[in-house]
Amino acid sequence: MVMPANMSGAEKREKMRLVMLYMLAWLQAIMEAAISSSLSHPNIVQTYTYAIRPMKDQTPMTSYIEPGLLVT
């Protein structure tokens, strides 16, 4: 990841923290969707298909990254 030279160390650490949170949320959503699609039980709503996409547009390094995914 390339960061602007004029960012302070604290700003770079915060940006990296937010990127890691976003990546963890993405991985968790993928894992939950994959697991739920393989479950079969009368008391669980069956998942037949799923798509994972960001909840809002994000421009790299210029916007505030918030963890958030929409699983449809």
PDB file of N, CA and C in Angstrom:
ATOM      1  N   MET A   1       0.850  -1.162   0.000  1.00  0.00           N
ATOM      2  CA  MET A   1       0.000   0.000   0.000  1.00  0.00           C
ATOM      3  C   MET A   1       0.901   1.231   0.000  1.00  0.00           C
ATOM      4  N   VAL A   2       0.627   2.159  -0.877  1.00  0.00           N
ATOM      5  CA  VAL A   2       1.404   3.384  -0.957  1.00  0.00           C
ATOM      6  C   VAL A   2       0.642   4.482  -0.214  1.00  0.00           C
ATOM      7  N   MET A   3       1.342   5.161   0.668  1.00  0.00           N
ATOM      8  CA  MET A   3       0.742   6.239   1.448  1.00  0.00           C
ATOM      9  C   MET A   3       1.408   7.558   1.051  1.00  0.00           C
ATOM     10  N   PRO A   4       0.666   8.643   1.105  1.00  0.00           N
ATOM     11  CA  PRO A   4       1.256   9.943   0.794  1.00  0.00           C
ATOM     12  C   PRO A   4       2.401  10.272   1.749  1.00  0.00           C
ATOM     13  N   ALA A   5       3.424  10.896   1.234  1.00  0.00           N
ATOM     14  CA  ALA A   5       4.598  11.230   2.039  1.00  0.00           C
ATOM     15  C   ALA A   5       4.278  12.242   3.135  1.00  0.00           C
ATOM     16  N   ASN A   6       3.258  13.042   2.933  1.00  0.00           N
ATOM     17  CA  ASN A   6       2.948  14.091   3.913  1.00  0.00           C
ATOM     18  C   ASN A   6       2.075  13.600   5.071  1.00  0.00           C
ATOM     19  N   MET A   7       1.749  12.304   5.117  1.00  0.00           N
ATOM     20  CA  MET A   7       0.964  11.760   6.230  1.00  0.00           C
ATOM     21  C   MET A   7       1.885  11.527   7.426  1.00  0.00           C
ATOM     22  N   SER A   8       1.381  11.835   8.608  1.00  0.00           N
ATOM     23  CA  SER A   8       2.153  11.573   9.824  1.00  0.00           C
ATOM     24  C   SER A   8       2.124  10.074  10.129  1.00  0.00           C
ATOM     25  N   GLY A   9       3.010   9.654  11.028  1.00  0.00           N
ATOM     26  CA  GLY A   9       3.041   8.251  11.429  1.00  0.00           C
ATOM     27  C   GLY A   9       1.724   7.799  12.018  1.00  0.00           C
ATOM     28  N   ALA A  10       1.099   8.666  12.821  1.00  0.00           N
ATOM     29  CA  ALA A  10      -0.183   8.322  13.441  1.00  0.00           C
ATOM     30  C   ALA A  10      -1.272   8.170  12.382  1.00  0.00           C
ATOM     31  N   GLU A  11      -1.260   9.038  11.376  1.00  0.00           N
ATOM     32  CA  GLU A  11      -2.258   8.941  10.298  1.00  0.00           C
ATOM     33  C   GLU A  11      -2.062   7.657   9.502  1.00  0.00           C
ATOM     34  N   LYS A  12      -0.808   7.296   9.247  1.00  0.00           N
ATOM     35  CA  LYS A  12      -0.531   6.059   8.507  1.00  0.00           C
ATOM     36  C   LYS A  12      -0.986   4.835   9.304  1.00  0.00           C
ATOM     37  N   ARG A  13      -0.704   4.823  10.605  1.00  0.00           N
ATOM     38  CA  ARG A  13      -1.138   3.705  11.442  1.00  0.00           C
ATOM     39  C   ARG A  13      -2.657   3.593  11.472  1.00  0.00           C
ATOM     40  N   GLU A  14      -3.337   4.725  11.582  1.00  0.00           N
ATOM     41  CA  GLU A  14      -4.803   4.717  11.600  1.00  0.00           C
ATOM     42  C   GLU A  14      -5.364   4.215  10.272  1.00  0.00           C
ATOM     43  N   LYS A  15      -4.787   4.643   9.169  1.00  0.00           N
ATOM     44  CA  LYS A  15      -5.240   4.191   7.848  1.00  0.00           C
ATOM     45  C   LYS A  15      -5.043   2.679   7.715  1.00  0.00           C
ATOM     46  N   MET A  16      -3.885   2.181   8.160  1.00  0.00           N
ATOM     47  CA  MET A  16      -3.625   0.745   8.098  1.00  0.00           C
ATOM     48  C   MET A  16      -4.592  -0.028   8.996  1.00  0.00           C
ATOM     49  N   ARG A  17      -4.895   0.519  10.173  1.00  0.00           N
ATOM     50  CA  ARG A  17      -5.848  -0.122  11.080  1.00  0.00           C
ATOM     51  C   ARG A  17      -7.211  -0.240  10.417  1.00  0.00           C
ATOM     52  N   LEU A  18      -7.646   0.820   9.767  1.00  0.00           N
ATOM     53  CA  LEU A  18      -8.947   0.804   9.106  1.00  0.00           C
ATOM     54  C   LEU A  18      -8.970  -0.172   7.937  1.00  0.00           C
ATOM     55  N   VAL A  19      -7.875  -0.240   7.197  1.00  0.00           N
ATOM     56  CA  VAL A  19      -7.796  -1.183   6.081  1.00  0.00           C
ATOM     57  C   VAL A  19      -7.874  -2.614   6.608  1.00  0.00           C
ATOM     58  N   MET A  20      -7.169  -2.893   7.697  1.00  0.00           N
ATOM     59  CA  MET A  20      -7.199  -4.240   8.279  1.00  0.00           C
ATOM     60  C   MET A  20      -8.601  -4.593   8.795  1.00  0.00           C
ATOM     61  N   LEU A  21      -9.286  -3.635   9.416  1.00  0.00           N
ATOM     62  CA  LEU A  21     -10.658  -3.882   9.872  1.00  0.00           C
ATOM     63  C   LEU A  21     -11.575  -4.201   8.705  1.00  0.00           C
ATOM     64  N   TYR A  22     -11.412  -3.456   7.605  1.00  0.00           N
ATOM     65  CA  TYR A  22     -12.216  -3.691   6.414  1.00  0.00           C
ATOM     66  C   TYR A  22     -11.940  -5.086   5.861  1.00  0.00           C
ATOM     67  N   MET A  23     -10.669  -5.474   5.807  1.00  0.00           N
ATOM     68  CA  MET A  23     -10.314  -6.792   5.277  1.00  0.00           C
ATOM     69  C   MET A  23     -10.862  -7.910   6.164  1.00  0.00           C
ATOM     70  N   LEU A  24     -10.802  -7.731   7.479  1.00  0.00           N
ATOM     71  CA  LEU A  24     -11.345  -8.731   8.393  1.00  0.00           C
ATOM     72  C   LEU A  24     -12.860  -8.857   8.250  1.00  0.00           C
ATOM     73  N   ALA A  25     -13.548  -7.732   8.096  1.00  0.00           N
ATOM     74  CA  ALA A  25     -15.005  -7.763   7.907  1.00  0.00           C
ATOM     75  C   ALA A  25     -15.346  -8.474   6.606  1.00  0.00           C
ATOM     76  N   TRP A  26     -14.565  -8.219   5.562  1.00  0.00           N
ATOM     77  CA  TRP A  26     -14.777  -8.859   4.258  1.00  0.00           C
ATOM     78  C   TRP A  26     -14.607 -10.372   4.391  1.00  0.00           C
ATOM     79  N   LEU A  27     -13.541 -10.802   5.052  1.00  0.00           N
ATOM     80  CA  LEU A  27     -13.283 -12.223   5.232  1.00  0.00           C
ATOM     81  C   LEU A  27     -14.382 -12.883   6.067  1.00  0.00           C
ATOM     82  N   GLN A  28     -14.819 -12.214   7.116  1.00  0.00           N
ATOM     83  CA  GLN A  28     -15.879 -12.770   7.960  1.00  0.00           C
ATOM     84  C   GLN A  28     -17.171 -12.931   7.170  1.00  0.00           C
ATOM     85  N   ALA A  29     -17.514 -11.952   6.345  1.00  0.00           N
ATOM     86  CA  ALA A  29     -18.740 -12.043   5.543  1.00  0.00           C
ATOM     87  C   ALA A  29     -18.660 -13.207   4.556  1.00  0.00           C
ATOM     88  N   ILE A  30     -17.512 -13.385   3.939  1.00  0.00           N
ATOM     89  CA  ILE A  30     -17.338 -14.489   2.994  1.00  0.00           C
ATOM     90  C   ILE A  30     -17.481 -15.832   3.710  1.00  0.00           C
ATOM     91  N   MET A  31     -16.826 -15.952   4.860  1.00  0.00           N
ATOM     92  CA  MET A  31     -16.889 -17.206   5.608  1.00  0.00           C
ATOM     93  C   MET A  31     -18.315 -17.506   6.080  1.00  0.00           C
ATOM     94  N   GLU A  32     -19.017 -16.505   6.596  1.00  0.00           N
ATOM     95  CA  GLU A  32     -20.388 -16.717   7.068  1.00  0.00           C
ATOM     96  C   GLU A  32     -21.312 -17.115   5.928  1.00  0.00           C
ATOM     97  N   ALA A  33     -21.150 -16.477   4.772  1.00  0.00           N
ATOM     98  CA  ALA A  33     -21.994 -16.816   3.630  1.00  0.00           C
ATOM     99  C   ALA A  33     -21.704 -18.234   3.151  1.00  0.00           C
ATOM    100  N   ALA A  34     -20.443 -18.607   3.110  1.00  0.00           N
ATOM    101  CA  ALA A  34     -20.082 -19.956   2.670  1.00  0.00           C
ATOM    102  C   ALA A  34     -20.610 -21.006   3.644  1.00  0.00           C
ATOM    103  N   ILE A  35     -20.473 -20.755   4.929  1.00  0.00           N
ATOM    104  CA  ILE A  35     -20.952 -21.719   5.928  1.00  0.00           C
ATOM    105  C   ILE A  35     -22.471 -21.822   5.893  1.00  0.00           C
ATOM    106  N   SER A  36     -23.156 -20.687   5.826  1.00  0.00           N
ATOM    107  CA  SER A  36     -24.624 -20.738   5.841  1.00  0.00           C
ATOM    108  C   SER A  36     -25.184 -21.422   4.605  1.00  0.00           C
ATOM    109  N   SER A  37     -24.463 -21.350   3.483  1.00  0.00           N
ATOM    110  CA  SER A  37     -24.967 -22.013   2.278  1.00  0.00           C
ATOM    111  C   SER A  37     -24.801 -23.526   2.351  1.00  0.00           C
ATOM    112  N   SER A  38     -23.945 -24.002   3.261  1.00  0.00           N
ATOM    113  CA  SER A  38     -23.747 -25.447   3.376  1.00  0.00           C
ATOM    114  C   SER A  38     -24.598 -26.075   4.484  1.00  0.00           C
ATOM    115  N   LEU A  39     -25.322 -25.262   5.256  1.00  0.00           N
ATOM    116  CA  LEU A  39     -26.162 -25.786   6.335  1.00  0.00           C
ATOM    117  C   LEU A  39     -27.516 -26.239   5.811  1.00  0.00           C
ATOM    118  N   SER A  40     -28.009 -27.291   6.402  1.00  0.00           N
ATOM    119  CA  SER A  40     -29.341 -27.776   6.048  1.00  0.00           C
ATOM    120  C   SER A  40     -30.024 -28.256   7.329  1.00  0.00           C
ATOM    121  N   HIS A  41     -31.056 -27.511   7.736  1.00  0.00           N
ATOM    122  CA  HIS A  41     -31.776 -27.848   8.964  1.00  0.00           C
ATOM    123  C   HIS A  41     -33.171 -27.239   8.857  1.00  0.00           C
ATOM    124  N   PRO A  42     -34.207 -27.894   9.369  1.00  0.00           N
ATOM    125  CA  PRO A  42     -35.573 -27.371   9.258  1.00  0.00           C
ATOM    126  C   PRO A  42     -35.769 -26.002   9.914  1.00  0.00           C
ATOM    127  N   ASN A  43     -34.972 -25.673  10.923  1.00  0.00           N
ATOM    128  CA  ASN A  43     -35.133 -24.396  11.621  1.00  0.00           C
ATOM    129  C   ASN A  43     -34.198 -23.298  11.118  1.00  0.00           C
ATOM    130  N   ILE A  44     -33.492 -23.550  10.041  1.00  0.00           N
ATOM    131  CA  ILE A  44     -32.569 -22.557   9.464  1.00  0.00           C
ATOM    132  C   ILE A  44     -33.016 -22.241   8.049  1.00  0.00           C
ATOM    133  N   VAL A  45     -33.131 -20.967   7.745  1.00  0.00           N
ATOM    134  CA  VAL A  45     -33.494 -20.556   6.389  1.00  0.00           C
ATOM    135  C   VAL A  45     -32.340 -20.916   5.460  1.00  0.00           C
ATOM    136  N   GLN A  46     -32.660 -21.632   4.389  1.00  0.00           N
ATOM    137  CA  GLN A  46     -31.632 -22.083   3.452  1.00  0.00           C
ATOM    138  C   GLN A  46     -31.080 -20.930   2.631  1.00  0.00           C
ATOM    139  N   THR A  47     -29.770 -20.888   2.494  1.00  0.00           N
ATOM    140  CA  THR A  47     -29.098 -19.920   1.625  1.00  0.00           C
ATOM    141  C   THR A  47     -28.760 -20.642   0.330  1.00  0.00           C
ATOM    142  N   TYR A  48     -29.307 -20.173  -0.791  1.00  0.00           N
ATOM    143  CA  TYR A  48     -29.043 -20.818  -2.069  1.00  0.00           C
ATOM    144  C   TYR A  48     -27.905 -20.137  -2.813  1.00  0.00           C
ATOM    145  N   THR A  49     -27.833 -18.835  -2.703  1.00  0.00           N
ATOM    146  CA  THR A  49     -26.772 -18.088  -3.372  1.00  0.00           C
ATOM    147  C   THR A  49     -26.507 -16.813  -2.585  1.00  0.00           C
ATOM    148  N   TYR A  50     -25.360 -16.248  -2.799  1.00  0.00           N
ATOM    149  CA  TYR A  50     -25.017 -15.002  -2.117  1.00  0.00           C
ATOM    150  C   TYR A  50     -24.058 -14.195  -2.973  1.00  0.00           C
ATOM    151  N   ALA A  51     -24.064 -12.888  -2.761  1.00  0.00           N
ATOM    152  CA  ALA A  51     -23.127 -11.977  -3.425  1.00  0.00           C
ATOM    153  C   ALA A  51     -22.649 -10.990  -2.376  1.00  0.00           C
ATOM    154  N   ILE A  52     -21.390 -10.704  -2.389  1.00  0.00           N
ATOM    155  CA  ILE A  52     -20.817  -9.784  -1.407  1.00  0.00           C
ATOM    156  C   ILE A  52     -20.275  -8.575  -2.154  1.00  0.00           C
ATOM    157  N   ARG A  53     -20.707  -7.395  -1.707  1.00  0.00           N
ATOM    158  CA  ARG A  53     -20.260  -6.162  -2.354  1.00  0.00           C
ATOM    159  C   ARG A  53     -20.140  -5.056  -1.313  1.00  0.00           C
ATOM    160  N   PRO A  54     -19.282  -4.086  -1.554  1.00  0.00           N
ATOM    161  CA  PRO A  54     -19.137  -2.973  -0.600  1.00  0.00           C
ATOM    162  C   PRO A  54     -20.449  -2.198  -0.476  1.00  0.00           C
ATOM    163  N   MET A  55     -20.700  -1.651   0.706  1.00  0.00           N
ATOM    164  CA  MET A  55     -21.920  -0.887   0.931  1.00  0.00           C
ATOM    165  C   MET A  55     -21.822   0.529   0.384  1.00  0.00           C
ATOM    166  N   LYS A  56     -20.605   1.019   0.139  1.00  0.00           N
ATOM    167  CA  LYS A  56     -20.457   2.345  -0.439  1.00  0.00           C
ATOM    168  C   LYS A  56     -19.191   2.374  -1.276  1.00  0.00           C
ATOM    169  N   ASP A  57     -19.153   3.289  -2.242  1.00  0.00           N
ATOM    170  CA  ASP A  57     -17.962   3.443  -3.070  1.00  0.00           C
ATOM    171  C   ASP A  57     -16.821   3.963  -2.220  1.00  0.00           C
ATOM    172  N   GLN A  58     -15.622   3.505  -2.545  1.00  0.00           N
ATOM    173  CA  GLN A  58     -14.456   3.944  -1.806  1.00  0.00           C
ATOM    174  C   GLN A  58     -13.340   4.246  -2.787  1.00  0.00           C
ATOM    175  N   THR A  59     -12.764   5.405  -2.646  1.00  0.00           N
ATOM    176  CA  THR A  59     -11.612   5.781  -3.447  1.00  0.00           C
ATOM    177  C   THR A  59     -10.377   5.512  -2.604  1.00  0.00           C
ATOM    178  N   PRO A  60      -9.454   4.689  -3.088  1.00  0.00           N
ATOM    179  CA  PRO A  60      -8.291   4.342  -2.268  1.00  0.00           C
ATOM    180  C   PRO A  60      -7.519   5.564  -1.785  1.00  0.00           C
ATOM    181  N   MET A  61      -7.225   5.561  -0.502  1.00  0.00           N
ATOM    182  CA  MET A  61      -6.371   6.546   0.147  1.00  0.00           C
ATOM    183  C   MET A  61      -6.948   7.968   0.208  1.00  0.00           C
ATOM    184  N   THR A  62      -8.125   8.198  -0.291  1.00  0.00           N
ATOM    185  CA  THR A  62      -8.678   9.547  -0.211  1.00  0.00           C
ATOM    186  C   THR A  62      -9.948   9.597   0.619  1.00  0.00           C
ATOM    187  N   SER A  63     -10.570   8.453   0.859  1.00  0.00           N
ATOM    188  CA  SER A  63     -11.803   8.453   1.636  1.00  0.00           C
ATOM    189  C   SER A  63     -11.594   7.679   2.932  1.00  0.00           C
ATOM    190  N   TYR A  64     -12.421   7.953   3.882  1.00  0.00           N
ATOM    191  CA  TYR A  64     -12.385   7.260   5.158  1.00  0.00           C
ATOM    192  C   TYR A  64     -12.968   5.875   4.952  1.00  0.00           C
ATOM    193  N   ILE A  65     -12.229   4.848   5.246  1.00  0.00           N
ATOM    194  CA  ILE A  65     -12.698   3.476   5.035  1.00  0.00           C
ATOM    195  C   ILE A  65     -13.386   2.986   6.291  1.00  0.00           C
ATOM    196  N   GLU A  66     -14.630   2.609   6.152  1.00  0.00           N
ATOM    197  CA  GLU A  66     -15.384   2.047   7.262  1.00  0.00           C
ATOM    198  C   GLU A  66     -15.683   0.597   6.962  1.00  0.00           C
ATOM    199  N   PRO A  67     -15.441  -0.296   7.924  1.00  0.00           N
ATOM    200  CA  PRO A  67     -15.815  -1.685   7.673  1.00  0.00           C
ATOM    201  C   PRO A  67     -17.323  -1.781   7.481  1.00  0.00           C
ATOM    202  N   GLY A  68     -17.740  -2.410   6.444  1.00  0.00           N
ATOM    203  CA  GLY A  68     -19.156  -2.597   6.208  1.00  0.00           C
ATOM    204  C   GLY A  68     -19.386  -3.328   4.907  1.00  0.00           C
ATOM    205  N   LEU A  69     -20.082  -4.418   4.976  1.00  0.00           N
ATOM    206  CA  LEU A  69     -20.356  -5.203   3.802  1.00  0.00           C
ATOM    207  C   LEU A  69     -21.840  -5.515   3.758  1.00  0.00           C
ATOM    208  N   LEU A  70     -22.329  -5.672   2.563  1.00  0.00           N
ATOM    209  CA  LEU A  70     -23.717  -6.048   2.363  1.00  0.00           C
ATOM    210  C   LEU A  70     -23.725  -7.423   1.732  1.00  0.00           C
ATOM    211  N   VAL A  71     -24.274  -8.388   2.409  1.00  0.00           N
ATOM    212  CA  VAL A  71     -24.393  -9.734   1.869  1.00  0.00           C
ATOM    213  C   VAL A  71     -25.810  -9.893   1.395  1.00  0.00           C
ATOM    214  N   THR A  72     -25.978 -10.111   0.104  1.00  0.00           N
ATOM    215  CA  THR A  72     -27.317 -10.241  -0.481  1.00  0.00           C
ATOM    216  C   THR A  72     -27.490 -11.609  -1.090  1.00  0.00           C
TER     217      THR A  72
END
